[in-house]
Protein backbone atom coordinates (compact mmCIF):
# COMPACT_ATOMS: atom_id res chain seq x y z
CA MET A 1 19.42 -111.14 -99.70
CA ASN A 2 21.93 -108.29 -99.99
CA TYR A 3 25.59 -108.88 -100.68
CA LYS A 4 26.67 -108.14 -97.05
CA GLN A 5 24.67 -111.14 -95.84
CA LEU A 6 26.24 -113.32 -98.55
CA LEU A 7 29.75 -112.40 -97.34
CA LYS A 8 29.25 -114.58 -94.26
CA ASN A 9 29.38 -117.70 -96.45
CA ILE A 10 32.40 -116.87 -98.62
CA ASN A 11 35.36 -119.24 -98.31
CA THR A 12 36.88 -118.93 -101.79
CA PHE A 13 38.05 -115.90 -103.74
CA ILE A 14 38.86 -115.83 -107.43
CA PHE A 15 40.71 -112.85 -108.86
CA ASP A 16 41.55 -111.69 -112.33
CA VAL A 17 44.88 -109.83 -112.58
CA ASP A 18 44.97 -107.07 -115.20
CA GLY A 19 42.40 -104.41 -114.34
CA VAL A 20 41.78 -105.93 -110.87
CA MET A 21 45.15 -106.48 -109.19
CA THR A 22 46.59 -103.83 -111.52
CA ASN A 23 45.28 -100.61 -113.01
CA GLY A 24 45.24 -102.28 -116.41
CA LEU A 25 48.23 -100.38 -117.75
CA ILE A 26 51.13 -102.43 -119.09
CA PHE A 27 54.57 -100.90 -119.40
CA LEU A 28 56.81 -102.43 -122.02
CA GLY A 29 60.41 -102.96 -120.93
CA PRO A 30 63.40 -102.78 -123.27
CA GLY A 31 63.32 -106.51 -123.98
CA GLY A 32 59.56 -106.54 -124.55
CA GLU A 33 58.83 -107.59 -120.96
CA MET A 34 55.42 -106.41 -119.80
CA LEU A 35 55.61 -104.70 -116.40
CA ARG A 36 52.59 -104.28 -114.15
CA ASN A 37 51.90 -102.14 -111.11
CA MET A 38 50.32 -103.80 -108.03
CA ASN A 39 49.01 -102.38 -104.77
CA VAL A 40 50.87 -103.39 -101.57
CA LYS A 41 47.66 -103.09 -99.51
CA ASP A 42 46.03 -105.67 -101.76
CA GLY A 43 49.09 -107.86 -101.16
CA TYR A 44 48.78 -107.56 -97.39
CA ALA A 45 45.12 -108.59 -97.48
CA LEU A 46 45.86 -111.49 -99.84
CA GLN A 47 48.56 -113.02 -97.64
CA LEU A 48 46.38 -112.55 -94.56
CA ALA A 49 43.46 -114.31 -96.27
CA VAL A 50 45.76 -117.21 -97.15
CA ARG A 51 46.91 -117.45 -93.52
CA LYS A 52 43.28 -117.37 -92.37
CA GLY A 53 42.51 -120.40 -94.53
CA TYR A 54 40.59 -118.85 -97.38
CA ARG A 55 41.10 -120.41 -100.79
CA ILE A 56 42.61 -117.78 -103.11
CA ILE A 57 42.63 -118.51 -106.84
CA ILE A 58 44.12 -116.42 -109.62
CA ILE A 59 42.75 -116.88 -113.14
CA SER A 60 44.16 -114.49 -115.72
CA GLY A 61 44.47 -114.27 -119.47
CA GLY A 62 47.83 -112.55 -119.04
CA SER A 63 50.99 -114.50 -118.46
CA SER A 64 54.03 -113.18 -116.62
CA GLU A 65 56.65 -114.94 -114.52
CA SER A 66 57.03 -111.89 -112.26
CA VAL A 67 53.26 -111.91 -111.60
CA ARG A 68 53.44 -115.63 -110.74
CA GLN A 69 56.36 -114.98 -108.38
CA ARG A 70 54.47 -112.16 -106.63
CA PHE A 71 51.50 -114.42 -105.92
CA GLU A 72 53.71 -117.28 -104.79
CA GLN A 73 55.45 -114.90 -102.34
CA LEU A 74 52.01 -114.10 -100.89
CA GLY A 75 51.35 -117.81 -100.33
CA ILE A 76 48.86 -118.30 -103.17
CA GLU A 77 49.08 -121.77 -104.71
CA GLU A 78 46.32 -121.82 -107.34
CA ILE A 79 47.74 -119.48 -110.00
CA HIS A 80 46.40 -119.92 -113.52
CA LEU A 81 47.97 -117.56 -116.04
CA GLY A 82 47.59 -117.41 -119.82
CA ILE A 83 44.03 -118.77 -119.58
CA GLY A 84 41.79 -118.20 -122.59
CA HIS A 85 38.71 -119.97 -121.22
CA LYS A 86 38.25 -119.22 -117.53
CA ASN A 87 35.06 -121.27 -117.30
CA LYS A 88 36.99 -124.48 -118.06
CA VAL A 89 39.52 -123.77 -115.27
CA PHE A 90 36.67 -122.94 -112.89
CA ASP A 91 35.00 -126.30 -113.65
CA GLU A 92 38.30 -128.12 -112.99
CA LEU A 93 38.76 -126.31 -109.67
CA ILE A 94 35.19 -127.07 -108.57
CA ARG A 95 35.89 -130.77 -109.08
CA LYS A 96 39.40 -130.67 -107.56
CA TYR A 97 38.37 -128.90 -104.32
CA ASP A 98 34.63 -129.70 -104.20
CA ILE A 99 33.94 -125.95 -104.31
CA ASP A 100 30.40 -124.71 -103.77
CA PRO A 101 30.02 -121.88 -106.32
CA ASP A 102 27.63 -120.10 -103.93
CA ARG A 103 30.54 -119.66 -101.48
CA VAL A 104 32.79 -118.02 -104.10
CA LEU A 105 33.45 -114.30 -104.56
CA TYR A 106 34.89 -113.54 -108.01
CA LEU A 107 36.42 -110.10 -108.62
CA GLY A 108 36.71 -109.36 -112.33
CA ASP A 109 36.62 -106.36 -114.60
CA ASP A 110 36.13 -107.36 -118.23
CA ILE A 111 34.32 -109.66 -120.67
CA PRO A 112 36.60 -112.73 -120.18
CA ASP A 113 35.43 -112.82 -116.53
CA TYR A 114 31.71 -112.73 -117.37
CA GLU A 115 30.91 -116.47 -117.65
CA VAL A 116 32.46 -117.44 -114.33
CA MET A 117 31.12 -114.36 -112.56
CA ALA A 118 27.59 -115.34 -113.62
CA ARG A 119 28.03 -118.69 -111.81
CA VAL A 120 29.32 -117.63 -108.38
CA GLY A 121 27.69 -116.49 -105.15
CA ILE A 122 29.08 -112.96 -105.35
CA ALA A 123 30.23 -111.34 -108.56
CA ALA A 124 32.17 -108.18 -107.71
CA CYS A 125 34.12 -105.67 -109.72
CA PRO A 126 36.32 -102.59 -109.40
CA ALA A 127 34.81 -99.14 -109.94
CA ASP A 128 36.31 -98.93 -113.43
CA ALA A 129 35.06 -102.30 -114.74
CA VAL A 130 33.32 -102.47 -118.10
CA GLU A 131 29.56 -101.96 -118.12
CA GLU A 132 28.68 -105.60 -118.85
CA ILE A 133 30.54 -106.70 -115.73
CA LYS A 134 29.01 -103.96 -113.59
CA THR A 135 25.57 -105.14 -114.70
CA ILE A 136 26.03 -108.66 -113.28
CA SER A 137 27.98 -107.63 -110.17
CA LYS A 138 26.33 -107.82 -106.75
CA TYR A 139 29.03 -105.47 -105.48
CA ILE A 140 30.93 -102.67 -107.22
CA SER A 141 33.93 -101.57 -105.18
CA PRO A 142 34.45 -97.81 -104.85
CA PHE A 143 38.12 -98.54 -105.67
CA LYS A 144 39.50 -98.91 -109.18
CA GLY A 145 41.59 -101.83 -110.35
CA GLY A 146 45.08 -101.73 -108.82
CA GLU A 147 43.95 -99.13 -106.29
CA GLY A 148 42.64 -101.30 -103.47
CA CYS A 149 39.56 -103.12 -104.77
CA VAL A 150 41.10 -106.49 -103.82
CA ARG A 151 41.75 -105.31 -100.26
CA ASP A 152 38.23 -103.90 -100.16
CA VAL A 153 36.48 -107.24 -100.79
CA LEU A 154 38.90 -109.31 -98.71
CA GLU A 155 38.64 -106.94 -95.77
CA GLN A 156 34.83 -106.88 -95.90
CA VAL A 157 34.60 -110.67 -95.85
CA MET A 158 37.15 -111.08 -93.07
CA LYS A 159 35.50 -108.35 -90.98
CA ILE A 160 32.02 -109.82 -91.31
CA GLN A 161 33.49 -113.24 -90.40
CA ASP A 162 35.36 -111.63 -87.49
CA VAL A 163 38.89 -112.63 -88.51
CA TRP A 164 40.26 -109.34 -89.86
CA PHE A 165 41.94 -107.56 -86.96
CA ASP A 166 43.47 -110.02 -84.52
CA GLU A 167 46.91 -111.24 -83.48
CA ASP A 168 47.43 -112.97 -86.85
CA GLY A 169 47.14 -109.63 -88.62
CA PHE A 170 49.98 -107.88 -86.83
CA HIS A 171 52.80 -109.48 -88.76
CA TRP A 172 53.46 -110.35 -92.34
């Protein structure tokens, strides 16, 4: 079965942050604050997916209050930052929400994402992911991290499930 057919069953998305939601570059502010760059088109698709009832989960090794605030503004409730072992959080979420791993799309870009990606229905990655992640991915977005790869996978799922472009999508 190709990945397009699998998209019909997706109801949960898990995203890494650095290298997926961002281009992976971190700018250091004067007080040592780490600043990240995020794509507004990814943000639009994220808030739309939340409104459409998809479960959106963030699991990231990085930890930043401004990143948390951004996701909260988009309506995302499951935000796990500063996570060293993503597999443990994934197991907790499976139990909490009775998640079927086969209905999960995980978008990651680097080695810390590998274990969880190997357990989900669709492992996906940005175009600039590391080779080990590309090897296990059923879908490699043509977009790099921070340049629309999040929008790419969300839009594909919502289009194939026929909820992308309707009256709910005309406002934010």
